[in-house]
Amino acid sequence: MDTLQALNQVSNGRRDYVTTEEFAESITRSTNTLRKNHCLNGHCYGIRPIKVGGRLLWSVKDIAKLLKGEVKP
């Protein structure tokens, strides 16, 4: 299974945003790596999350662009 299929499976093909844990799983990184990059830079791999109820939510569309190589990490 390629990474885009894994991302689609994680998002159930219906959601526009995924949690930090789901984002980390789709790009095979630690959640702490994502949180640290966001804290230091305001983004992680060029993706800016939205905050909802104290949680970071990441755009599935932007993650897909990252996985396709359209966004420079």
C-alpha atoms as a PDB file:
ATOM      1  CA  MET A   1       0.000   0.000   0.000  1.00  0.00           C
ATOM      2  CA  ASP A   2       1.467   3.375  -0.956  1.00  0.00           C
ATOM      3  CA  THR A   3       1.401   6.393   1.334  1.00  0.00           C
ATOM      4  CA  LEU A   4      -1.492   8.122  -0.461  1.00  0.00           C
ATOM      5  CA  GLN A   5      -3.659   5.045  -0.051  1.00  0.00           C
ATOM      6  CA  ALA A   6      -2.673   4.904   3.610  1.00  0.00           C
ATOM      7  CA  LEU A   7      -3.639   8.573   4.014  1.00  0.00           C
ATOM      8  CA  ASN A   8      -7.003   7.921   2.361  1.00  0.00           C
ATOM      9  CA  GLN A   9      -7.566   4.988   4.693  1.00  0.00           C
ATOM     10  CA  VAL A  10      -6.643   7.078   7.741  1.00  0.00           C
ATOM     11  CA  SER A  11      -9.020   9.882   6.731  1.00  0.00           C
ATOM     12  CA  ASN A  12     -11.733   7.376   5.761  1.00  0.00           C
ATOM     13  CA  GLY A  13     -11.928   9.211   2.448  1.00  0.00           C
ATOM     14  CA  ARG A  14     -14.462  11.633   3.956  1.00  0.00           C
ATOM     15  CA  ARG A  15     -12.619  13.928   6.332  1.00  0.00           C
ATOM     16  CA  ASP A  16     -10.842  17.147   5.399  1.00  0.00           C
ATOM     17  CA  TYR A  17      -8.599  17.157   8.492  1.00  0.00           C
ATOM     18  CA  VAL A  18      -6.748  14.509  10.480  1.00  0.00           C
ATOM     19  CA  THR A  19      -5.251  14.523  13.971  1.00  0.00           C
ATOM     20  CA  THR A  20      -1.555  14.886  14.707  1.00  0.00           C
ATOM     21  CA  GLU A  21      -1.338  11.152  15.387  1.00  0.00           C
ATOM     22  CA  GLU A  22      -2.891  10.304  12.012  1.00  0.00           C
ATOM     23  CA  PHE A  23      -0.643  12.807  10.202  1.00  0.00           C
ATOM     24  CA  ALA A  24       2.438  11.327  11.895  1.00  0.00           C
ATOM     25  CA  GLU A  25       1.374   7.819  10.911  1.00  0.00           C
ATOM     26  CA  SER A  26       0.846   8.800   7.280  1.00  0.00           C
ATOM     27  CA  ILE A  27       4.351  10.300   6.929  1.00  0.00           C
ATOM     28  CA  THR A  28       6.055   7.827   9.286  1.00  0.00           C
ATOM     29  CA  ARG A  29       7.268  10.406  11.771  1.00  0.00           C
ATOM     30  CA  SER A  30       6.848  10.807  15.514  1.00  0.00           C
ATOM     31  CA  THR A  31       4.037  12.985  16.837  1.00  0.00           C
ATOM     32  CA  ASN A  32       6.659  14.797  18.898  1.00  0.00           C
ATOM     33  CA  THR A  33       8.530  15.697  15.691  1.00  0.00           C
ATOM     34  CA  LEU A  34       5.389  17.278  14.253  1.00  0.00           C
ATOM     35  CA  ARG A  35       4.572  19.161  17.432  1.00  0.00           C
ATOM     36  CA  LYS A  36       8.151  20.420  17.813  1.00  0.00           C
ATOM     37  CA  ASN A  37       8.313  21.644  14.196  1.00  0.00           C
ATOM     38  CA  HIS A  38       4.959  23.382  14.624  1.00  0.00           C
ATOM     39  CA  CYS A  39       6.063  24.974  17.887  1.00  0.00           C
ATOM     40  CA  LEU A  40       9.351  26.255  16.455  1.00  0.00           C
ATOM     41  CA  ASN A  41       8.193  27.267  12.968  1.00  0.00           C
ATOM     42  CA  GLY A  42       4.400  27.579  13.036  1.00  0.00           C
ATOM     43  CA  HIS A  43       4.182  24.784  10.478  1.00  0.00           C
ATOM     44  CA  CYS A  44       5.444  21.277   9.886  1.00  0.00           C
ATOM     45  CA  TYR A  45       6.811  20.334   6.475  1.00  0.00           C
ATOM     46  CA  GLY A  46       5.084  23.419   5.072  1.00  0.00           C
ATOM     47  CA  ILE A  47       1.667  22.484   6.465  1.00  0.00           C
ATOM     48  CA  ARG A  48      -0.045  24.819   8.918  1.00  0.00           C
ATOM     49  CA  PRO A  49      -2.623  23.129  11.146  1.00  0.00           C
ATOM     50  CA  ILE A  50      -5.803  24.572  12.545  1.00  0.00           C
ATOM     51  CA  LYS A  51      -6.501  24.458  16.261  1.00  0.00           C
ATOM     52  CA  VAL A  52      -9.805  23.041  17.434  1.00  0.00           C
ATOM     53  CA  GLY A  53     -10.444  22.529  21.126  1.00  0.00           C
ATOM     54  CA  GLY A  54      -6.753  22.581  21.969  1.00  0.00           C
ATOM     55  CA  ARG A  55      -5.922  19.997  19.296  1.00  0.00           C
ATOM     56  CA  LEU A  56      -4.038  20.446  16.050  1.00  0.00           C
ATOM     57  CA  LEU A  57      -5.829  19.284  12.917  1.00  0.00           C
ATOM     58  CA  TRP A  58      -3.935  18.903   9.643  1.00  0.00           C
ATOM     59  CA  SER A  59      -5.362  19.287   6.139  1.00  0.00           C
ATOM     60  CA  VAL A  60      -5.620  16.020   4.215  1.00  0.00           C
ATOM     61  CA  LYS A  61      -5.248  17.940   0.936  1.00  0.00           C
ATOM     62  CA  ASP A  62      -1.948  19.492   2.088  1.00  0.00           C
ATOM     63  CA  ILE A  63      -0.646  16.162   3.369  1.00  0.00           C
ATOM     64  CA  ALA A  64      -1.457  14.580   0.005  1.00  0.00           C
ATOM     65  CA  LYS A  65       0.532  17.325  -1.750  1.00  0.00           C
ATOM     66  CA  LEU A  66       3.458  16.648   0.598  1.00  0.00           C
ATOM     67  CA  LEU A  67       3.330  12.926  -0.116  1.00  0.00           C
ATOM     68  CA  LYS A  68       3.189  13.544  -3.881  1.00  0.00           C
ATOM     69  CA  GLY A  69       6.269  15.750  -3.624  1.00  0.00           C
ATOM     70  CA  GLU A  70       4.457  18.946  -4.590  1.00  0.00           C
ATOM     71  CA  VAL A  71       5.501  20.641  -1.312  1.00  0.00           C
ATOM     72  CA  LYS A  72       9.111  20.908  -0.215  1.00  0.00           C
ATOM     73  CA  PRO A  73       9.543  19.556   3.350  1.00  0.00           C
END
